[in-house]
Amino acid sequence: MISQIEFVRMVSVQSETIDRYIRESKIIPDLEVPMSGNRTFKYFKEDTINKYVKEFGWQLILPSNMKAFRKTRLYKSCR
């Protein structure tokens, strides 16, 4: 299982987007582990992440394209 934090690191979107999509039920975790208070840890299967990447048109960040992706993101933020 892949945690929500790892999910965010694997895709080309901000953590706020993932949080909002979960709140709006556009993204459904495969497993939620209750913690203290109202907090839960959310986990996803790799197949689930791949499904959302395809559904929302996101780019999957892999070790093979990570350097190029980071460089592109840095260039865009400097404009």
N, C-alpha and C. Protein backbone atom coordinates (compact mmCIF):
# COMPACT_ATOMS: atom_id res chain seq x y z
N MET A 1 0.84 -1.18 0.00
CA MET A 1 0.00 0.00 0.00
C MET A 1 0.89 1.25 0.00
N ILE A 2 0.40 2.29 -0.64
CA ILE A 2 1.14 3.53 -0.79
C ILE A 2 0.40 4.62 -0.01
N SER A 3 1.12 5.32 0.85
CA SER A 3 0.50 6.36 1.67
C SER A 3 0.12 7.56 0.81
N GLN A 4 -0.73 8.42 1.36
CA GLN A 4 -1.14 9.63 0.65
C GLN A 4 0.07 10.52 0.37
N ILE A 5 0.99 10.59 1.30
CA ILE A 5 2.20 11.41 1.11
C ILE A 5 3.01 10.89 -0.07
N GLU A 6 3.16 9.57 -0.16
CA GLU A 6 3.89 8.98 -1.28
C GLU A 6 3.13 9.19 -2.59
N PHE A 7 1.80 9.11 -2.53
CA PHE A 7 0.95 9.35 -3.70
C PHE A 7 1.23 10.74 -4.26
N VAL A 8 1.26 11.74 -3.38
CA VAL A 8 1.52 13.12 -3.81
C VAL A 8 2.89 13.22 -4.48
N ARG A 9 3.87 12.55 -3.95
CA ARG A 9 5.23 12.58 -4.53
C ARG A 9 5.30 11.89 -5.87
N MET A 10 4.35 10.99 -6.13
CA MET A 10 4.37 10.20 -7.37
C MET A 10 3.68 10.87 -8.55
N VAL A 11 2.91 11.93 -8.29
CA VAL A 11 2.13 12.54 -9.37
C VAL A 11 2.45 14.02 -9.52
N SER A 12 2.05 14.56 -10.65
CA SER A 12 2.40 15.93 -11.03
C SER A 12 1.39 16.96 -10.53
N VAL A 13 0.87 16.79 -9.31
CA VAL A 13 -0.07 17.75 -8.75
C VAL A 13 0.31 18.08 -7.31
N GLN A 14 -0.24 19.16 -6.80
CA GLN A 14 0.04 19.61 -5.44
C GLN A 14 -0.73 18.77 -4.42
N SER A 15 -0.22 18.72 -3.19
CA SER A 15 -0.89 17.97 -2.13
C SER A 15 -2.29 18.52 -1.86
N GLU A 16 -2.47 19.83 -2.03
CA GLU A 16 -3.78 20.44 -1.82
C GLU A 16 -4.83 19.87 -2.79
N THR A 17 -4.40 19.60 -4.00
CA THR A 17 -5.31 19.02 -5.00
C THR A 17 -5.75 17.63 -4.57
N ILE A 18 -4.80 16.82 -4.13
CA ILE A 18 -5.14 15.47 -3.67
C ILE A 18 -6.07 15.55 -2.46
N ASP A 19 -5.76 16.43 -1.50
CA ASP A 19 -6.61 16.61 -0.32
C ASP A 19 -8.04 16.99 -0.72
N ARG A 20 -8.16 17.95 -1.62
CA ARG A 20 -9.48 18.41 -2.06
C ARG A 20 -10.25 17.31 -2.77
N TYR A 21 -9.57 16.57 -3.65
CA TYR A 21 -10.23 15.49 -4.38
C TYR A 21 -10.71 14.39 -3.42
N ILE A 22 -9.95 14.14 -2.36
CA ILE A 22 -10.38 13.16 -1.36
C ILE A 22 -11.62 13.68 -0.63
N ARG A 23 -11.59 14.96 -0.21
CA ARG A 23 -12.75 15.56 0.47
C ARG A 23 -13.99 15.53 -0.42
N GLU A 24 -13.81 15.77 -1.72
CA GLU A 24 -14.93 15.80 -2.67
C GLU A 24 -15.29 14.41 -3.18
N SER A 25 -14.65 13.38 -2.67
CA SER A 25 -14.87 11.97 -3.05
C SER A 25 -14.57 11.69 -4.52
N LYS A 26 -13.72 12.51 -5.11
CA LYS A 26 -13.24 12.22 -6.48
C LYS A 26 -12.16 11.16 -6.43
N ILE A 27 -11.47 11.09 -5.29
CA ILE A 27 -10.45 10.07 -5.03
C ILE A 27 -10.87 9.33 -3.76
N ILE A 28 -10.91 8.01 -3.84
CA ILE A 28 -11.31 7.18 -2.70
C ILE A 28 -10.11 6.32 -2.28
N PRO A 29 -9.63 6.49 -1.05
CA PRO A 29 -8.52 5.64 -0.58
C PRO A 29 -8.95 4.18 -0.48
N ASP A 30 -8.00 3.28 -0.70
CA ASP A 30 -8.28 1.85 -0.55
C ASP A 30 -8.34 1.44 0.92
N LEU A 31 -7.65 2.21 1.77
CA LEU A 31 -7.62 1.90 3.19
C LEU A 31 -7.47 3.20 3.97
N GLU A 32 -8.25 3.35 5.05
CA GLU A 32 -8.11 4.48 5.96
C GLU A 32 -7.88 3.94 7.36
N VAL A 33 -6.80 4.40 7.97
CA VAL A 33 -6.45 3.96 9.32
C VAL A 33 -6.71 5.12 10.27
N PRO A 34 -7.68 4.94 11.19
CA PRO A 34 -7.99 6.02 12.14
C PRO A 34 -6.82 6.29 13.09
N MET A 35 -6.58 7.56 13.33
CA MET A 35 -5.57 7.98 14.30
C MET A 35 -6.28 8.79 15.37
N SER A 36 -5.60 9.63 16.06
CA SER A 36 -6.22 10.42 17.13
C SER A 36 -7.19 11.46 16.55
N GLY A 37 -8.27 11.71 17.28
CA GLY A 37 -9.24 12.71 16.84
C GLY A 37 -9.90 12.33 15.53
N ASN A 38 -9.99 13.29 14.64
CA ASN A 38 -10.62 13.06 13.33
C ASN A 38 -9.62 12.67 12.26
N ARG A 39 -8.37 12.56 12.61
CA ARG A 39 -7.31 12.30 11.64
C ARG A 39 -7.27 10.83 11.22
N THR A 40 -7.07 10.61 9.93
CA THR A 40 -6.88 9.25 9.41
C THR A 40 -5.71 9.25 8.44
N PHE A 41 -5.02 8.13 8.38
CA PHE A 41 -3.99 7.94 7.36
C PHE A 41 -4.64 7.20 6.21
N LYS A 42 -4.40 7.69 5.00
CA LYS A 42 -5.03 7.11 3.80
C LYS A 42 -3.98 6.39 2.97
N TYR A 43 -4.36 5.23 2.48
CA TYR A 43 -3.45 4.40 1.69
C TYR A 43 -4.12 3.97 0.40
N PHE A 44 -3.28 3.78 -0.63
CA PHE A 44 -3.76 3.45 -1.97
C PHE A 44 -2.96 2.29 -2.55
N LYS A 45 -3.63 1.47 -3.33
CA LYS A 45 -2.94 0.43 -4.09
C LYS A 45 -2.32 1.09 -5.32
N GLU A 46 -1.27 0.49 -5.83
CA GLU A 46 -0.60 1.04 -7.02
C GLU A 46 -1.56 1.11 -8.21
N ASP A 47 -2.42 0.10 -8.37
CA ASP A 47 -3.41 0.11 -9.45
C ASP A 47 -4.38 1.28 -9.31
N THR A 48 -4.75 1.61 -8.09
CA THR A 48 -5.66 2.73 -7.84
C THR A 48 -4.99 4.04 -8.25
N ILE A 49 -3.74 4.21 -7.88
CA ILE A 49 -3.02 5.43 -8.25
C ILE A 49 -2.92 5.54 -9.76
N ASN A 50 -2.59 4.45 -10.42
CA ASN A 50 -2.50 4.47 -11.89
C ASN A 50 -3.84 4.83 -12.52
N LYS A 51 -4.94 4.35 -11.93
CA LYS A 51 -6.28 4.67 -12.43
C LYS A 51 -6.54 6.18 -12.34
N TYR A 52 -6.20 6.80 -11.20
CA TYR A 52 -6.43 8.23 -11.04
C TYR A 52 -5.49 9.06 -11.91
N VAL A 53 -4.27 8.61 -12.10
CA VAL A 53 -3.34 9.31 -12.99
C VAL A 53 -3.94 9.37 -14.39
N LYS A 54 -4.46 8.26 -14.84
CA LYS A 54 -5.07 8.20 -16.17
C LYS A 54 -6.36 9.02 -16.23
N GLU A 55 -7.21 8.88 -15.22
CA GLU A 55 -8.51 9.57 -15.19
C GLU A 55 -8.37 11.09 -15.19
N PHE A 56 -7.40 11.62 -14.44
CA PHE A 56 -7.26 13.06 -14.31
C PHE A 56 -6.18 13.65 -15.22
N GLY A 57 -5.52 12.81 -16.00
CA GLY A 57 -4.52 13.30 -16.95
C GLY A 57 -3.25 13.80 -16.29
N TRP A 58 -2.92 13.23 -15.12
CA TRP A 58 -1.71 13.62 -14.42
C TRP A 58 -0.52 12.86 -15.00
N GLN A 59 0.66 13.35 -14.68
CA GLN A 59 1.89 12.66 -15.07
C GLN A 59 2.42 11.89 -13.87
N LEU A 60 2.77 10.64 -14.10
CA LEU A 60 3.37 9.82 -13.06
C LEU A 60 4.86 10.12 -13.02
N ILE A 61 5.36 10.45 -11.84
CA ILE A 61 6.78 10.79 -11.69
C ILE A 61 7.52 9.53 -11.27
N LEU A 62 8.39 9.08 -12.15
CA LEU A 62 9.18 7.86 -11.93
C LEU A 62 10.65 8.24 -11.80
N PRO A 63 11.47 7.37 -11.25
CA PRO A 63 12.91 7.67 -11.17
C PRO A 63 13.51 8.03 -12.53
N SER A 64 12.99 7.42 -13.59
CA SER A 64 13.53 7.66 -14.93
C SER A 64 13.21 9.05 -15.47
N ASN A 65 12.13 9.69 -15.01
CA ASN A 65 11.79 11.01 -15.52
C ASN A 65 11.80 12.10 -14.43
N MET A 66 12.22 11.74 -13.23
CA MET A 66 12.16 12.65 -12.09
C MET A 66 13.01 13.90 -12.30
N LYS A 67 14.23 13.74 -12.76
CA LYS A 67 15.13 14.88 -12.93
C LYS A 67 14.57 15.86 -13.96
N ALA A 68 14.11 15.34 -15.08
CA ALA A 68 13.54 16.20 -16.13
C ALA A 68 12.27 16.88 -15.63
N PHE A 69 11.44 16.16 -14.91
CA PHE A 69 10.20 16.73 -14.40
C PHE A 69 10.49 17.86 -13.42
N ARG A 70 11.40 17.65 -12.48
CA ARG A 70 11.74 18.68 -11.50
C ARG A 70 12.32 19.93 -12.18
N LYS A 71 13.14 19.71 -13.18
CA LYS A 71 13.75 20.82 -13.91
C LYS A 71 12.66 21.64 -14.62
N THR A 72 11.70 20.97 -15.24
CA THR A 72 10.59 21.64 -15.92
C THR A 72 9.74 22.41 -14.91
N ARG A 73 9.45 21.80 -13.78
CA ARG A 73 8.63 22.46 -12.74
C ARG A 73 9.36 23.69 -12.20
N LEU A 74 10.67 23.61 -11.98
CA LEU A 74 11.46 24.73 -11.48
C LEU A 74 11.45 25.86 -12.51
N TYR A 75 11.59 25.52 -13.79
CA TYR A 75 11.60 26.52 -14.85
C TYR A 75 10.26 27.28 -14.90
N LYS A 76 9.16 26.54 -14.79
CA LYS A 76 7.83 27.15 -14.83
C LYS A 76 7.60 28.06 -13.63
N SER A 77 8.12 27.68 -12.46
CA SER A 77 7.90 28.49 -11.25
C SER A 77 8.74 29.77 -11.27
N CYS A 78 9.80 29.82 -12.07
CA CYS A 78 10.66 31.00 -12.13
C CYS A 78 10.14 32.04 -13.13
N ARG A 79 9.18 31.71 -13.92
CA ARG A 79 8.68 32.64 -14.93
C ARG A 79 7.91 33.75 -14.33
